[in-house]
Amino acid sequence: MTARFDAIGLVVSDMAASVTFYRRLGFAFPEGAERQPHAEADLPGGIRLMLDTEESVRSFTPGWEPPAGGGRHSLALLCDTPAEVDAFYEELTGAGCHGERKPWDAPWGQRYAVVNDPDGHGVDLFAPLALPGE
């Protein structure tokens, strides 16, 4: 018997807002996904990002309520350059997304920033400050 990592699932309040947010980051949700209770985007390596509305989760877990507070998890997205971290941060916050932490040069050698998706899930944007061998 073998279990394999296959998908990351997030519960969302507003599917359209969430699909729009993740599409801005390059996730390829199919057309019409914003109107569905469940949506999936294929990721590199065969993994999927799955979004389910709160109503969808309640259909199989009656009485489910979103957890209070936040900050328990985040998705981390590798950008090609430090400038791309800054550009994504500016694009997302300019579109109304909450910027949790403005881009900074982290002591571990990466340009780093944190934005929140429409439901408060953290999305870390990062890139190496220098390419290997520089």
N, C-alpha and C. Protein backbone atom coordinates (compact mmCIF):
# COMPACT_ATOMS: atom_id res chain seq x y z
N MET A 1 0.85 -1.17 0.00
CA MET A 1 0.00 0.00 0.00
C MET A 1 0.90 1.23 0.00
N THR A 2 0.57 2.21 -0.86
CA THR A 2 1.35 3.43 -0.97
C THR A 2 0.42 4.63 -1.08
N ALA A 3 0.72 5.66 -0.32
CA ALA A 3 -0.01 6.92 -0.45
C ALA A 3 0.95 7.92 -1.08
N ARG A 4 0.46 8.66 -2.08
CA ARG A 4 1.29 9.62 -2.79
C ARG A 4 0.70 11.02 -2.66
N PHE A 5 1.55 12.00 -2.46
CA PHE A 5 1.10 13.38 -2.41
C PHE A 5 0.55 13.73 -3.78
N ASP A 6 -0.70 14.25 -3.83
CA ASP A 6 -1.37 14.46 -5.09
C ASP A 6 -1.94 15.86 -5.25
N ALA A 7 -2.37 16.50 -4.16
CA ALA A 7 -3.07 17.77 -4.31
C ALA A 7 -3.00 18.58 -3.03
N ILE A 8 -3.20 19.87 -3.20
CA ILE A 8 -3.36 20.82 -2.10
C ILE A 8 -4.78 21.34 -2.22
N GLY A 9 -5.53 21.29 -1.14
CA GLY A 9 -6.91 21.76 -1.17
C GLY A 9 -7.11 22.96 -0.27
N LEU A 10 -7.81 23.96 -0.78
CA LEU A 10 -8.15 25.14 0.00
C LEU A 10 -9.65 25.35 -0.03
N VAL A 11 -10.22 25.72 1.11
CA VAL A 11 -11.64 26.06 1.18
C VAL A 11 -11.74 27.57 0.99
N VAL A 12 -12.63 27.98 0.09
CA VAL A 12 -12.74 29.40 -0.26
C VAL A 12 -14.17 29.89 -0.06
N SER A 13 -14.29 31.18 0.25
CA SER A 13 -15.61 31.79 0.42
C SER A 13 -16.22 32.21 -0.90
N ASP A 14 -15.38 32.70 -1.81
CA ASP A 14 -15.85 33.24 -3.09
C ASP A 14 -15.01 32.62 -4.21
N MET A 15 -15.57 31.65 -4.88
CA MET A 15 -14.81 30.92 -5.91
C MET A 15 -14.31 31.86 -6.99
N ALA A 16 -15.14 32.78 -7.47
CA ALA A 16 -14.73 33.67 -8.55
C ALA A 16 -13.53 34.52 -8.14
N ALA A 17 -13.56 35.08 -6.93
CA ALA A 17 -12.44 35.90 -6.46
C ALA A 17 -11.18 35.06 -6.32
N SER A 18 -11.31 33.84 -5.82
CA SER A 18 -10.14 32.99 -5.63
C SER A 18 -9.54 32.53 -6.96
N VAL A 19 -10.39 32.12 -7.90
CA VAL A 19 -9.89 31.72 -9.22
C VAL A 19 -9.19 32.90 -9.89
N THR A 20 -9.77 34.08 -9.81
CA THR A 20 -9.14 35.27 -10.39
C THR A 20 -7.77 35.52 -9.76
N PHE A 21 -7.68 35.43 -8.44
CA PHE A 21 -6.41 35.64 -7.73
C PHE A 21 -5.36 34.65 -8.22
N TYR A 22 -5.67 33.37 -8.22
CA TYR A 22 -4.68 32.36 -8.58
C TYR A 22 -4.36 32.39 -10.08
N ARG A 23 -5.29 32.77 -10.90
CA ARG A 23 -4.97 32.94 -12.33
C ARG A 23 -3.93 34.04 -12.51
N ARG A 24 -4.01 35.11 -11.72
CA ARG A 24 -3.02 36.19 -11.80
C ARG A 24 -1.62 35.66 -11.51
N LEU A 25 -1.54 34.61 -10.72
CA LEU A 25 -0.25 34.01 -10.38
C LEU A 25 0.16 32.92 -11.36
N GLY A 26 -0.63 32.68 -12.39
CA GLY A 26 -0.27 31.72 -13.42
C GLY A 26 -0.91 30.35 -13.29
N PHE A 27 -1.82 30.16 -12.35
CA PHE A 27 -2.50 28.87 -12.21
C PHE A 27 -3.56 28.77 -13.31
N ALA A 28 -3.56 27.66 -14.02
CA ALA A 28 -4.42 27.49 -15.19
C ALA A 28 -5.73 26.80 -14.82
N PHE A 29 -6.63 27.55 -14.21
CA PHE A 29 -7.97 27.01 -13.96
C PHE A 29 -8.75 27.07 -15.25
N PRO A 30 -9.53 26.04 -15.54
CA PRO A 30 -10.28 26.03 -16.80
C PRO A 30 -11.36 27.11 -16.82
N GLU A 31 -11.74 27.50 -18.02
CA GLU A 31 -12.83 28.47 -18.18
C GLU A 31 -14.06 27.92 -17.48
N GLY A 32 -14.78 28.79 -16.80
CA GLY A 32 -15.99 28.39 -16.09
C GLY A 32 -15.74 27.94 -14.67
N ALA A 33 -14.47 27.75 -14.29
CA ALA A 33 -14.15 27.28 -12.93
C ALA A 33 -14.69 28.23 -11.87
N GLU A 34 -14.72 29.52 -12.20
CA GLU A 34 -15.16 30.52 -11.22
C GLU A 34 -16.64 30.37 -10.85
N ARG A 35 -17.39 29.58 -11.60
CA ARG A 35 -18.81 29.38 -11.32
C ARG A 35 -19.11 28.00 -10.72
N GLN A 36 -18.08 27.25 -10.39
CA GLN A 36 -18.27 25.89 -9.89
C GLN A 36 -18.03 25.83 -8.37
N PRO A 37 -18.58 24.82 -7.69
CA PRO A 37 -18.31 24.67 -6.26
C PRO A 37 -16.94 24.02 -5.99
N HIS A 38 -16.35 23.40 -7.01
CA HIS A 38 -15.04 22.76 -6.90
C HIS A 38 -14.27 23.07 -8.18
N ALA A 39 -13.02 23.46 -8.04
CA ALA A 39 -12.19 23.77 -9.21
C ALA A 39 -10.78 23.25 -8.97
N GLU A 40 -10.12 22.84 -10.06
CA GLU A 40 -8.75 22.31 -9.96
C GLU A 40 -7.88 22.91 -11.05
N ALA A 41 -6.62 23.14 -10.69
CA ALA A 41 -5.59 23.57 -11.65
C ALA A 41 -4.42 22.62 -11.51
N ASP A 42 -3.95 22.11 -12.64
CA ASP A 42 -2.79 21.23 -12.64
C ASP A 42 -1.53 22.04 -12.38
N LEU A 43 -0.65 21.50 -11.55
CA LEU A 43 0.62 22.14 -11.22
C LEU A 43 1.76 21.29 -11.77
N PRO A 44 2.95 21.86 -11.88
CA PRO A 44 4.10 21.06 -12.32
C PRO A 44 4.29 19.84 -11.42
N GLY A 45 4.76 18.79 -11.99
CA GLY A 45 5.02 17.57 -11.23
C GLY A 45 3.79 16.73 -10.97
N GLY A 46 2.67 17.08 -11.61
CA GLY A 46 1.47 16.26 -11.46
C GLY A 46 0.63 16.57 -10.24
N ILE A 47 0.97 17.59 -9.49
CA ILE A 47 0.19 17.98 -8.32
C ILE A 47 -0.94 18.91 -8.79
N ARG A 48 -2.01 18.99 -8.00
CA ARG A 48 -3.14 19.85 -8.33
C ARG A 48 -3.41 20.82 -7.18
N LEU A 49 -3.88 22.01 -7.51
CA LEU A 49 -4.44 22.92 -6.52
C LEU A 49 -5.94 22.81 -6.65
N MET A 50 -6.60 22.43 -5.56
CA MET A 50 -8.05 22.26 -5.56
C MET A 50 -8.68 23.33 -4.68
N LEU A 51 -9.72 23.95 -5.20
CA LEU A 51 -10.49 24.93 -4.44
C LEU A 51 -11.90 24.41 -4.27
N ASP A 52 -12.43 24.50 -3.06
CA ASP A 52 -13.81 24.10 -2.77
C ASP A 52 -14.49 25.23 -2.02
N THR A 53 -15.72 25.54 -2.40
CA THR A 53 -16.46 26.56 -1.68
C THR A 53 -16.86 26.03 -0.31
N GLU A 54 -17.13 26.96 0.60
CA GLU A 54 -17.60 26.57 1.93
C GLU A 54 -18.88 25.74 1.82
N GLU A 55 -19.76 26.14 0.89
CA GLU A 55 -21.02 25.41 0.71
C GLU A 55 -20.76 23.97 0.25
N SER A 56 -19.77 23.81 -0.61
CA SER A 56 -19.43 22.47 -1.08
C SER A 56 -18.95 21.59 0.08
N VAL A 57 -18.12 22.14 0.92
CA VAL A 57 -17.61 21.38 2.07
C VAL A 57 -18.76 21.01 3.01
N ARG A 58 -19.68 21.95 3.21
CA ARG A 58 -20.83 21.66 4.09
C ARG A 58 -21.73 20.58 3.50
N SER A 59 -21.69 20.36 2.18
CA SER A 59 -22.53 19.33 1.58
C SER A 59 -22.11 17.93 2.01
N PHE A 60 -20.85 17.76 2.38
CA PHE A 60 -20.41 16.44 2.85
C PHE A 60 -19.92 16.47 4.30
N THR A 61 -19.83 17.66 4.91
CA THR A 61 -19.50 17.79 6.33
C THR A 61 -20.46 18.82 6.93
N PRO A 62 -21.71 18.39 7.20
CA PRO A 62 -22.71 19.34 7.71
C PRO A 62 -22.21 20.04 8.98
N GLY A 63 -22.48 21.33 9.06
CA GLY A 63 -22.08 22.08 10.24
C GLY A 63 -20.66 22.60 10.20
N TRP A 64 -19.92 22.30 9.11
CA TRP A 64 -18.53 22.78 9.02
C TRP A 64 -18.51 24.30 9.05
N GLU A 65 -17.56 24.86 9.81
CA GLU A 65 -17.36 26.30 9.87
C GLU A 65 -15.88 26.59 9.63
N PRO A 66 -15.57 27.69 8.97
CA PRO A 66 -14.17 28.03 8.76
C PRO A 66 -13.46 28.25 10.08
N PRO A 67 -12.19 27.87 10.16
CA PRO A 67 -11.45 28.10 11.41
C PRO A 67 -11.28 29.60 11.68
N ALA A 68 -11.23 29.95 12.94
CA ALA A 68 -11.01 31.35 13.33
C ALA A 68 -9.53 31.66 13.23
N GLY A 69 -9.23 32.90 12.86
CA GLY A 69 -7.83 33.30 12.75
C GLY A 69 -7.22 32.81 11.46
N GLY A 70 -5.97 32.99 11.32
CA GLY A 70 -5.28 32.57 10.09
C GLY A 70 -3.82 32.29 10.36
N GLY A 71 -3.05 32.25 9.29
CA GLY A 71 -1.63 32.07 9.43
C GLY A 71 -1.16 30.66 9.73
N ARG A 72 -2.01 29.67 9.51
CA ARG A 72 -1.60 28.30 9.81
C ARG A 72 -0.90 27.63 8.64
N HIS A 73 -1.03 28.18 7.45
CA HIS A 73 -0.37 27.59 6.29
C HIS A 73 -0.20 28.67 5.22
N SER A 74 0.63 28.34 4.25
CA SER A 74 0.80 29.24 3.10
C SER A 74 1.29 28.42 1.92
N LEU A 75 1.10 28.98 0.75
CA LEU A 75 1.68 28.41 -0.47
C LEU A 75 2.91 29.24 -0.77
N ALA A 76 3.98 28.62 -1.19
CA ALA A 76 5.21 29.34 -1.52
C ALA A 76 5.48 29.20 -3.01
N LEU A 77 5.61 30.34 -3.70
CA LEU A 77 5.79 30.36 -5.15
C LEU A 77 7.16 30.92 -5.49
N LEU A 78 7.96 30.13 -6.17
CA LEU A 78 9.29 30.53 -6.61
C LEU A 78 9.17 31.41 -7.85
N CYS A 79 9.73 32.61 -7.78
CA CYS A 79 9.77 33.52 -8.92
C CYS A 79 11.15 33.43 -9.56
N ASP A 80 11.26 33.87 -10.82
CA ASP A 80 12.53 33.77 -11.53
C ASP A 80 13.58 34.74 -11.02
N THR A 81 13.16 35.94 -10.60
CA THR A 81 14.11 36.96 -10.18
C THR A 81 13.55 37.74 -9.00
N PRO A 82 14.41 38.43 -8.25
CA PRO A 82 13.92 39.31 -7.20
C PRO A 82 12.97 40.38 -7.74
N ALA A 83 13.23 40.90 -8.95
CA ALA A 83 12.35 41.91 -9.54
C ALA A 83 10.96 41.34 -9.79
N GLU A 84 10.86 40.05 -10.10
CA GLU A 84 9.56 39.44 -10.32
C GLU A 84 8.77 39.35 -9.02
N VAL A 85 9.45 39.11 -7.89
CA VAL A 85 8.78 39.13 -6.59
C VAL A 85 8.12 40.49 -6.39
N ASP A 86 8.90 41.55 -6.63
CA ASP A 86 8.37 42.91 -6.47
C ASP A 86 7.20 43.17 -7.42
N ALA A 87 7.33 42.73 -8.67
CA ALA A 87 6.29 42.98 -9.67
C ALA A 87 5.00 42.24 -9.32
N PHE A 88 5.09 40.98 -8.91
CA PHE A 88 3.89 40.23 -8.52
C PHE A 88 3.23 40.89 -7.32
N TYR A 89 4.04 41.29 -6.33
CA TYR A 89 3.49 41.93 -5.14
C TYR A 89 2.73 43.21 -5.53
N GLU A 90 3.34 44.03 -6.37
CA GLU A 90 2.70 45.28 -6.79
C GLU A 90 1.43 45.00 -7.60
N GLU A 91 1.47 44.02 -8.49
CA GLU A 91 0.29 43.68 -9.28
C GLU A 91 -0.86 43.23 -8.39
N LEU A 92 -0.57 42.34 -7.45
CA LEU A 92 -1.62 41.78 -6.60
C LEU A 92 -2.18 42.82 -5.63
N THR A 93 -1.31 43.58 -4.98
CA THR A 93 -1.81 44.59 -4.05
C THR A 93 -2.50 45.72 -4.81
N GLY A 94 -2.02 46.02 -6.02
CA GLY A 94 -2.68 47.02 -6.85
C GLY A 94 -4.06 46.60 -7.28
N ALA A 95 -4.30 45.28 -7.33
CA ALA A 95 -5.62 44.76 -7.70
C ALA A 95 -6.51 44.59 -6.47
N GLY A 96 -6.02 45.04 -5.31
CA GLY A 96 -6.84 44.99 -4.10
C GLY A 96 -6.55 43.86 -3.14
N CYS A 97 -5.58 43.01 -3.44
CA CYS A 97 -5.23 41.92 -2.53
C CYS A 97 -4.47 42.48 -1.32
N HIS A 98 -4.64 41.84 -0.18
CA HIS A 98 -3.97 42.28 1.04
C HIS A 98 -2.50 41.89 1.00
N GLY A 99 -1.63 42.86 1.15
CA GLY A 99 -0.19 42.60 1.27
C GLY A 99 0.15 42.36 2.73
N GLU A 100 0.53 41.15 3.05
CA GLU A 100 0.87 40.80 4.44
C GLU A 100 2.26 41.33 4.80
N ARG A 101 3.20 41.22 3.86
CA ARG A 101 4.58 41.68 4.10
C ARG A 101 5.17 42.15 2.79
N LYS A 102 5.55 43.42 2.73
CA LYS A 102 6.15 43.98 1.52
C LYS A 102 7.46 43.26 1.21
N PRO A 103 7.88 43.28 -0.06
CA PRO A 103 9.13 42.60 -0.43
C PRO A 103 10.31 43.10 0.41
N TRP A 104 11.13 42.13 0.82
CA TRP A 104 12.34 42.43 1.58
C TRP A 104 13.41 41.41 1.23
N ASP A 105 14.65 41.78 1.50
CA ASP A 105 15.77 40.86 1.31
C ASP A 105 15.96 40.08 2.60
N ALA A 106 15.53 38.83 2.57
CA ALA A 106 15.56 37.99 3.76
C ALA A 106 16.99 37.54 4.07
N PRO A 107 17.30 37.35 5.35
CA PRO A 107 18.66 36.95 5.72
C PRO A 107 19.07 35.58 5.21
N TRP A 108 18.12 34.77 4.74
CA TRP A 108 18.46 33.45 4.21
C TRP A 108 18.75 33.50 2.71
N GLY A 109 18.90 34.73 2.16
CA GLY A 109 19.36 34.86 0.78
C GLY A 109 18.29 34.89 -0.29
N GLN A 110 17.08 35.31 0.08
CA GLN A 110 16.00 35.37 -0.90
C GLN A 110 15.29 36.72 -0.81
N ARG A 111 14.78 37.18 -1.95
CA ARG A 111 13.83 38.30 -1.97
C ARG A 111 12.50 37.66 -1.63
N TYR A 112 11.77 38.19 -0.68
CA TYR A 112 10.58 37.54 -0.15
C TYR A 112 9.46 38.55 0.04
N ALA A 113 8.24 38.14 -0.19
CA ALA A 113 7.06 38.94 0.07
C ALA A 113 5.91 38.00 0.37
N VAL A 114 4.90 38.50 1.07
CA VAL A 114 3.73 37.68 1.40
C VAL A 114 2.47 38.47 1.10
N VAL A 115 1.57 37.85 0.34
CA VAL A 115 0.24 38.40 0.08
C VAL A 115 -0.79 37.38 0.57
N ASN A 116 -2.00 37.84 0.76
CA ASN A 116 -3.07 36.94 1.16
C ASN A 116 -4.05 36.78 0.00
N ASP A 117 -4.54 35.55 -0.18
CA ASP A 117 -5.58 35.35 -1.18
C ASP A 117 -6.89 35.89 -0.60
N PRO A 118 -7.98 35.85 -1.34
CA PRO A 118 -9.23 36.44 -0.85
C PRO A 118 -9.74 35.87 0.47
N ASP A 119 -9.30 34.67 0.85
CA ASP A 119 -9.73 34.06 2.11
C ASP A 119 -8.69 34.16 3.21
N GLY A 120 -7.61 34.89 2.96
CA GLY A 120 -6.58 35.06 3.97
C GLY A 120 -5.49 34.00 3.96
N HIS A 121 -5.54 33.08 3.00
CA HIS A 121 -4.46 32.09 2.89
C HIS A 121 -3.20 32.82 2.46
N GLY A 122 -2.11 32.56 3.13
CA GLY A 122 -0.86 33.21 2.79
C GLY A 122 -0.27 32.66 1.50
N VAL A 123 0.26 33.56 0.68
CA VAL A 123 0.97 33.18 -0.54
C VAL A 123 2.32 33.88 -0.49
N ASP A 124 3.37 33.08 -0.29
CA ASP A 124 4.73 33.61 -0.23
C ASP A 124 5.30 33.67 -1.64
N LEU A 125 5.91 34.79 -1.97
CA LEU A 125 6.58 34.97 -3.26
C LEU A 125 8.07 35.11 -2.94
N PHE A 126 8.91 34.32 -3.61
CA PHE A 126 10.34 34.41 -3.30
C PHE A 126 11.19 34.11 -4.51
N ALA A 127 12.44 34.59 -4.46
CA ALA A 127 13.44 34.32 -5.50
C ALA A 127 14.81 34.45 -4.85
N PRO A 128 15.77 33.67 -5.33
CA PRO A 128 17.14 33.82 -4.80
C PRO A 128 17.66 35.22 -5.10
N LEU A 129 18.39 35.77 -4.13
CA LEU A 129 18.98 37.09 -4.35
C LEU A 129 20.13 37.03 -5.33
N ALA A 130 20.83 35.93 -5.37
CA ALA A 130 21.92 35.74 -6.33
C ALA A 130 21.82 34.34 -6.89
N LEU A 131 22.14 34.21 -8.16
CA LEU A 131 22.12 32.88 -8.77
C LEU A 131 23.34 32.10 -8.30
N PRO A 132 23.23 30.78 -8.21
CA PRO A 132 24.36 29.97 -7.79
C PRO A 132 25.61 30.29 -8.64
N GLY A 133 26.74 30.48 -7.98
CA GLY A 133 27.98 30.76 -8.68
C GLY A 133 28.24 32.24 -8.86
N GLU A 134 27.30 33.10 -8.46
CA GLU A 134 27.51 34.54 -8.61
C GLU A 134 28.25 35.10 -7.42
